[in-house]
Amino acid sequence: KPEETALYYCAATFGYNSRCAGVSGA
């Protein structure tokens, strides 16, 4: 959609987990 125009960033963190976080600080 046009409103999805943006810079898209990827991110990663170490440490096995069953849930991933929806906050950038993680």
PDB file of all heavy atoms in Angstrom:
ATOM      1  N   LYS A   1       0.844  -1.194   0.000  1.00  0.00           N
ATOM      2  CA  LYS A   1       0.000   0.000   0.000  1.00  0.00           C
ATOM      3  C   LYS A   1       0.881   1.247   0.000  1.00  0.00           C
ATOM      4  O   LYS A   1       1.984   1.235   0.556  1.00  0.00           O
ATOM      5  CB  LYS A   1      -0.882  -0.001   1.243  1.00  0.00           C
ATOM      6  CG  LYS A   1      -1.718  -1.258   1.413  1.00  0.00           C
ATOM      7  CD  LYS A   1      -2.454  -1.254   2.740  1.00  0.00           C
ATOM      8  CE  LYS A   1      -3.236  -2.545   2.936  1.00  0.00           C
ATOM      9  NZ  LYS A   1      -3.947  -2.560   4.243  1.00  0.00           N
ATOM     10  N   PRO A   2       0.405   2.338  -0.567  1.00  0.00           N
ATOM     11  CA  PRO A   2       1.220   3.572  -0.595  1.00  0.00           C
ATOM     12  C   PRO A   2       1.660   4.027   0.792  1.00  0.00           C
ATOM     13  O   PRO A   2       2.760   4.555   0.945  1.00  0.00           O
ATOM     14  CB  PRO A   2       0.272   4.581  -1.246  1.00  0.00           C
ATOM     15  CG  PRO A   2      -0.617   3.754  -2.110  1.00  0.00           C
ATOM     16  CD  PRO A   2      -0.836   2.480  -1.345  1.00  0.00           C
ATOM     17  N   GLU A   3       0.814   3.816   1.788  1.00  0.00           N
ATOM     18  CA  GLU A   3       1.167   4.252   3.140  1.00  0.00           C
ATOM     19  C   GLU A   3       2.269   3.398   3.765  1.00  0.00           C
ATOM     20  O   GLU A   3       2.738   3.694   4.867  1.00  0.00           O
ATOM     21  CB  GLU A   3      -0.063   4.251   4.056  1.00  0.00           C
ATOM     22  CG  GLU A   3      -0.797   2.926   4.136  1.00  0.00           C
ATOM     23  CD  GLU A   3      -1.946   2.830   3.155  1.00  0.00           C
ATOM     24  OE1 GLU A   3      -1.837   3.367   2.028  1.00  0.00           O
ATOM     25  OE2 GLU A   3      -2.963   2.183   3.525  1.00  0.00           O
ATOM     26  N   GLU A   4       2.701   2.368   3.063  1.00  0.00           N
ATOM     27  CA  GLU A   4       3.799   1.541   3.551  1.00  0.00           C
ATOM     28  C   GLU A   4       5.142   1.972   2.984  1.00  0.00           C
ATOM     29  O   GLU A   4       6.154   1.295   3.184  1.00  0.00           O
ATOM     30  CB  GLU A   4       3.507   0.070   3.250  1.00  0.00           C
ATOM     31  CG  GLU A   4       2.278  -0.414   4.035  1.00  0.00           C
ATOM     32  CD  GLU A   4       1.915  -1.845   3.804  1.00  0.00           C
ATOM     33  OE1 GLU A   4       1.824  -2.256   2.618  1.00  0.00           O
ATOM     34  OE2 GLU A   4       1.702  -2.564   4.799  1.00  0.00           O
ATOM     35  N   THR A   5       5.135   3.091   2.306  1.00  0.00           N
ATOM     36  CA  THR A   5       6.386   3.696   1.875  1.00  0.00           C
ATOM     37  C   THR A   5       7.186   4.085   3.109  1.00  0.00           C
ATOM     38  O   THR A   5       6.693   4.808   3.983  1.00  0.00           O
ATOM     39  CB  THR A   5       6.098   4.941   1.022  1.00  0.00           C
ATOM     40  OG1 THR A   5       5.503   4.524  -0.209  1.00  0.00           O
ATOM     41  CG2 THR A   5       7.381   5.706   0.738  1.00  0.00           C
ATOM     42  N   ALA A   6       8.415   3.581   3.182  1.00  0.00           N
ATOM     43  CA  ALA A   6       9.224   3.816   4.378  1.00  0.00           C
ATOM     44  C   ALA A   6      10.617   3.247   4.178  1.00  0.00           C
ATOM     45  O   ALA A   6      10.880   2.494   3.237  1.00  0.00           O
ATOM     46  CB  ALA A   6       8.572   3.160   5.593  1.00  0.00           C
ATOM     47  N   LEU A   7      11.484   3.595   5.103  1.00  0.00           N
ATOM     48  CA  LEU A   7      12.765   2.908   5.228  1.00  0.00           C
ATOM     49  C   LEU A   7      12.522   1.669   6.072  1.00  0.00           C
ATOM     50  O   LEU A   7      11.961   1.771   7.172  1.00  0.00           O
ATOM     51  CB  LEU A   7      13.784   3.797   5.925  1.00  0.00           C
ATOM     52  CG  LEU A   7      14.731   4.634   5.063  1.00  0.00           C
ATOM     53  CD1 LEU A   7      15.543   5.570   5.924  1.00  0.00           C
ATOM     54  CD2 LEU A   7      15.621   3.753   4.214  1.00  0.00           C
ATOM     55  N   TYR A   8      12.935   0.552   5.559  1.00  0.00           N
ATOM     56  CA  TYR A   8      12.757  -0.709   6.263  1.00  0.00           C
ATOM     57  C   TYR A   8      14.089  -1.156   6.857  1.00  0.00           C
ATOM     58  O   TYR A   8      15.105  -1.244   6.146  1.00  0.00           O
ATOM     59  CB  TYR A   8      12.209  -1.774   5.320  1.00  0.00           C
ATOM     60  CG  TYR A   8      10.734  -1.609   5.062  1.00  0.00           C
ATOM     61  CD1 TYR A   8      10.254  -0.550   4.298  1.00  0.00           C
ATOM     62  CD2 TYR A   8       9.808  -2.505   5.585  1.00  0.00           C
ATOM     63  CE1 TYR A   8       8.890  -0.377   4.082  1.00  0.00           C
ATOM     64  CE2 TYR A   8       8.449  -2.357   5.362  1.00  0.00           C
ATOM     65  CZ  TYR A   8       8.002  -1.290   4.610  1.00  0.00           C
ATOM     66  OH  TYR A   8       6.651  -1.132   4.389  1.00  0.00           O
ATOM     67  N   TYR A   9      14.067  -1.433   8.154  1.00  0.00           N
ATOM     68  CA  TYR A   9      15.263  -1.830   8.875  1.00  0.00           C
ATOM     69  C   TYR A   9      15.139  -3.262   9.371  1.00  0.00           C
ATOM     70  O   TYR A   9      14.063  -3.685   9.814  1.00  0.00           O
ATOM     71  CB  TYR A   9      15.467  -0.935  10.103  1.00  0.00           C
ATOM     72  CG  TYR A   9      15.710   0.518   9.801  1.00  0.00           C
ATOM     73  CD1 TYR A   9      14.648   1.409   9.694  1.00  0.00           C
ATOM     74  CD2 TYR A   9      17.001   1.004   9.626  1.00  0.00           C
ATOM     75  CE1 TYR A   9      14.856   2.750   9.428  1.00  0.00           C
ATOM     76  CE2 TYR A   9      17.227   2.347   9.360  1.00  0.00           C
ATOM     77  CZ  TYR A   9      16.151   3.209   9.267  1.00  0.00           C
ATOM     78  OH  TYR A   9      16.373   4.545   9.001  1.00  0.00           O
ATOM     79  N   CYS A  10      16.258  -3.972   9.323  1.00  0.00           N
ATOM     80  CA  CYS A  10      16.277  -5.284   9.948  1.00  0.00           C
ATOM     81  C   CYS A  10      17.094  -5.197  11.231  1.00  0.00           C
ATOM     82  O   CYS A  10      17.960  -4.326  11.374  1.00  0.00           O
ATOM     83  CB  CYS A  10      16.843  -6.346   9.008  1.00  0.00           C
ATOM     84  SG  CYS A  10      18.542  -6.069   8.464  1.00  0.00           S
ATOM     85  N   ALA A  11      16.799  -6.090  12.144  1.00  0.00           N
ATOM     86  CA  ALA A  11      17.457  -6.074  13.439  1.00  0.00           C
ATOM     87  C   ALA A  11      17.568  -7.492  13.956  1.00  0.00           C
ATOM     88  O   ALA A  11      16.806  -8.378  13.550  1.00  0.00           O
ATOM     89  CB  ALA A  11      16.670  -5.210  14.417  1.00  0.00           C
ATOM     90  N   ALA A  12      18.513  -7.692  14.868  1.00  0.00           N
ATOM     91  CA  ALA A  12      18.716  -9.031  15.406  1.00  0.00           C
ATOM     92  C   ALA A  12      19.190  -8.951  16.851  1.00  0.00           C
ATOM     93  O   ALA A  12      19.758  -7.944  17.286  1.00  0.00           O
ATOM     94  CB  ALA A  12      19.740  -9.793  14.570  1.00  0.00           C
ATOM     95  N   THR A  13      18.927 -10.022  17.554  1.00  0.00           N
ATOM     96  CA  THR A  13      19.438 -10.161  18.905  1.00  0.00           C
ATOM     97  C   THR A  13      19.809 -11.613  19.137  1.00  0.00           C
ATOM     98  O   THR A  13      19.264 -12.512  18.484  1.00  0.00           O
ATOM     99  CB  THR A  13      18.399  -9.695  19.948  1.00  0.00           C
ATOM    100  OG1 THR A  13      18.977  -9.711  21.240  1.00  0.00           O
ATOM    101  CG2 THR A  13      17.171 -10.595  19.940  1.00  0.00           C
ATOM    102  N   PHE A  14      20.747 -11.844  20.019  1.00  0.00           N
ATOM    103  CA  PHE A  14      21.182 -13.199  20.322  1.00  0.00           C
ATOM    104  C   PHE A  14      20.440 -13.730  21.545  1.00  0.00           C
ATOM    105  O   PHE A  14      19.813 -12.980  22.270  1.00  0.00           O
ATOM    106  CB  PHE A  14      22.688 -13.229  20.564  1.00  0.00           C
ATOM    107  CG  PHE A  14      23.491 -12.824  19.382  1.00  0.00           C
ATOM    108  CD1 PHE A  14      24.410 -11.802  19.457  1.00  0.00           C
ATOM    109  CD2 PHE A  14      23.324 -13.473  18.168  1.00  0.00           C
ATOM    110  CE1 PHE A  14      25.158 -11.420  18.349  1.00  0.00           C
ATOM    111  CE2 PHE A  14      24.064 -13.102  17.058  1.00  0.00           C
ATOM    112  CZ  PHE A  14      24.988 -12.074  17.152  1.00  0.00           C
ATOM    113  N   GLY A  15      20.535 -15.026  21.737  1.00  0.00           N
ATOM    114  CA  GLY A  15      19.845 -15.630  22.876  1.00  0.00           C
ATOM    115  C   GLY A  15      18.563 -16.282  22.423  1.00  0.00           C
ATOM    116  O   GLY A  15      17.636 -15.608  21.980  1.00  0.00           O
ATOM    117  N   TYR A  16      18.526 -17.587  22.493  1.00  0.00           N
ATOM    118  CA  TYR A  16      17.354 -18.318  22.051  1.00  0.00           C
ATOM    119  C   TYR A  16      16.128 -17.903  22.849  1.00  0.00           C
ATOM    120  O   TYR A  16      16.202 -17.629  24.042  1.00  0.00           O
ATOM    121  CB  TYR A  16      17.579 -19.822  22.183  1.00  0.00           C
ATOM    122  CG  TYR A  16      18.681 -20.344  21.309  1.00  0.00           C
ATOM    123  CD1 TYR A  16      19.771 -21.021  21.851  1.00  0.00           C
ATOM    124  CD2 TYR A  16      18.638 -20.167  19.936  1.00  0.00           C
ATOM    125  CE1 TYR A  16      20.775 -21.504  21.041  1.00  0.00           C
ATOM    126  CE2 TYR A  16      19.652 -20.642  19.117  1.00  0.00           C
ATOM    127  CZ  TYR A  16      20.714 -21.307  19.680  1.00  0.00           C
ATOM    128  OH  TYR A  16      21.714 -21.782  18.885  1.00  0.00           O
ATOM    129  N   ASN A  17      15.016 -17.872  22.169  1.00  0.00           N
ATOM    130  CA  ASN A  17      13.784 -17.425  22.795  1.00  0.00           C
ATOM    131  C   ASN A  17      12.600 -17.982  22.016  1.00  0.00           C
ATOM    132  O   ASN A  17      12.694 -18.223  20.812  1.00  0.00           O
ATOM    133  CB  ASN A  17      13.711 -15.894  22.797  1.00  0.00           C
ATOM    134  CG  ASN A  17      12.874 -15.360  23.939  1.00  0.00           C
ATOM    135  OD1 ASN A  17      11.857 -15.941  24.306  1.00  0.00           O
ATOM    136  ND2 ASN A  17      13.294 -14.253  24.519  1.00  0.00           N
ATOM    137  N   SER A  18      11.522 -18.192  22.709  1.00  0.00           N
ATOM    138  CA  SER A  18      10.326 -18.687  22.039  1.00  0.00           C
ATOM    139  C   SER A  18       9.447 -17.546  21.548  1.00  0.00           C
ATOM    140  O   SER A  18       8.474 -17.776  20.843  1.00  0.00           O
ATOM    141  CB  SER A  18       9.529 -19.582  22.977  1.00  0.00           C
ATOM    142  OG  SER A  18       9.133 -18.855  24.120  1.00  0.00           O
ATOM    143  N   ARG A  19       9.788 -16.335  21.948  1.00  0.00           N
ATOM    144  CA  ARG A  19       9.018 -15.184  21.516  1.00  0.00           C
ATOM    145  C   ARG A  19       9.969 -14.093  21.064  1.00  0.00           C
ATOM    146  O   ARG A  19      11.008 -13.877  21.669  1.00  0.00           O
ATOM    147  CB  ARG A  19       8.135 -14.659  22.637  1.00  0.00           C
ATOM    148  CG  ARG A  19       7.073 -15.624  23.107  1.00  0.00           C
ATOM    149  CD  ARG A  19       6.160 -14.967  24.114  1.00  0.00           C
ATOM    150  NE  ARG A  19       5.415 -13.858  23.521  1.00  0.00           N
ATOM    151  CZ  ARG A  19       4.574 -13.093  24.194  1.00  0.00           C
ATOM    152  NH1 ARG A  19       4.380 -13.290  25.493  1.00  0.00           N
ATOM    153  NH2 ARG A  19       3.930 -12.112  23.608  1.00  0.00           N
ATOM    154  N   CYS A  20       9.593 -13.400  20.002  1.00  0.00           N
ATOM    155  CA  CYS A  20      10.392 -12.266  19.567  1.00  0.00           C
ATOM    156  C   CYS A  20       9.667 -10.976  19.942  1.00  0.00           C
ATOM    157  O   CYS A  20       8.444 -10.965  20.101  1.00  0.00           O
ATOM    158  CB  CYS A  20      10.659 -12.325  18.067  1.00  0.00           C
ATOM    159  SG  CYS A  20       9.182 -12.437  17.042  1.00  0.00           S
ATOM    160  N   ALA A  21      10.439  -9.935  20.071  1.00  0.00           N
ATOM    161  CA  ALA A  21       9.889  -8.679  20.589  1.00  0.00           C
ATOM    162  C   ALA A  21       9.467  -7.743  19.461  1.00  0.00           C
ATOM    163  O   ALA A  21      10.115  -7.670  18.420  1.00  0.00           O
ATOM    164  CB  ALA A  21      10.920  -7.990  21.470  1.00  0.00           C
ATOM    165  N   GLY A  22       8.408  -7.025  19.723  1.00  0.00           N
ATOM    166  CA  GLY A  22       7.927  -6.043  18.762  1.00  0.00           C
ATOM    167  C   GLY A  22       8.365  -4.635  19.094  1.00  0.00           C
ATOM    168  O   GLY A  22       7.777  -3.678  18.587  1.00  0.00           O
ATOM    169  N   VAL A  23       9.379  -4.509  19.909  1.00  0.00           N
ATOM    170  CA  VAL A  23       9.899  -3.195  20.273  1.00  0.00           C
ATOM    171  C   VAL A  23      11.350  -3.095  19.857  1.00  0.00           C
ATOM    172  O   VAL A  23      12.125  -4.044  20.030  1.00  0.00           O
ATOM    173  CB  VAL A  23       9.751  -2.921  21.785  1.00  0.00           C
ATOM    174  CG1 VAL A  23       8.296  -2.773  22.153  1.00  0.00           C
ATOM    175  CG2 VAL A  23      10.388  -4.028  22.599  1.00  0.00           C
ATOM    176  N   SER A  24      11.736  -1.963  19.348  1.00  0.00           N
ATOM    177  CA  SER A  24      13.073  -1.808  18.797  1.00  0.00           C
ATOM    178  C   SER A  24      14.165  -1.952  19.852  1.00  0.00           C
ATOM    179  O   SER A  24      15.271  -2.397  19.553  1.00  0.00           O
ATOM    180  CB  SER A  24      13.193  -0.465  18.078  1.00  0.00           C
ATOM    181  OG  SER A  24      12.905   0.605  18.970  1.00  0.00           O
ATOM    182  N   GLY A  25      13.857  -1.602  21.093  1.00  0.00           N
ATOM    183  CA  GLY A  25      14.859  -1.667  22.148  1.00  0.00           C
ATOM    184  C   GLY A  25      15.325  -3.068  22.481  1.00  0.00           C
ATOM    185  O   GLY A  25      16.352  -3.241  23.139  1.00  0.00           O
ATOM    186  N   ALA A  26      14.601  -4.053  22.026  1.00  0.00           N
ATOM    187  CA  ALA A  26      14.967  -5.446  22.308  1.00  0.00           C
ATOM    188  C   ALA A  26      16.067  -5.953  21.390  1.00  0.00           C
ATOM    189  O   ALA A  26      16.602  -7.033  21.610  1.00  0.00           O
ATOM    190  CB  ALA A  26      13.739  -6.335  22.180  1.00  0.00           C
TER     191      ALA A  26
END
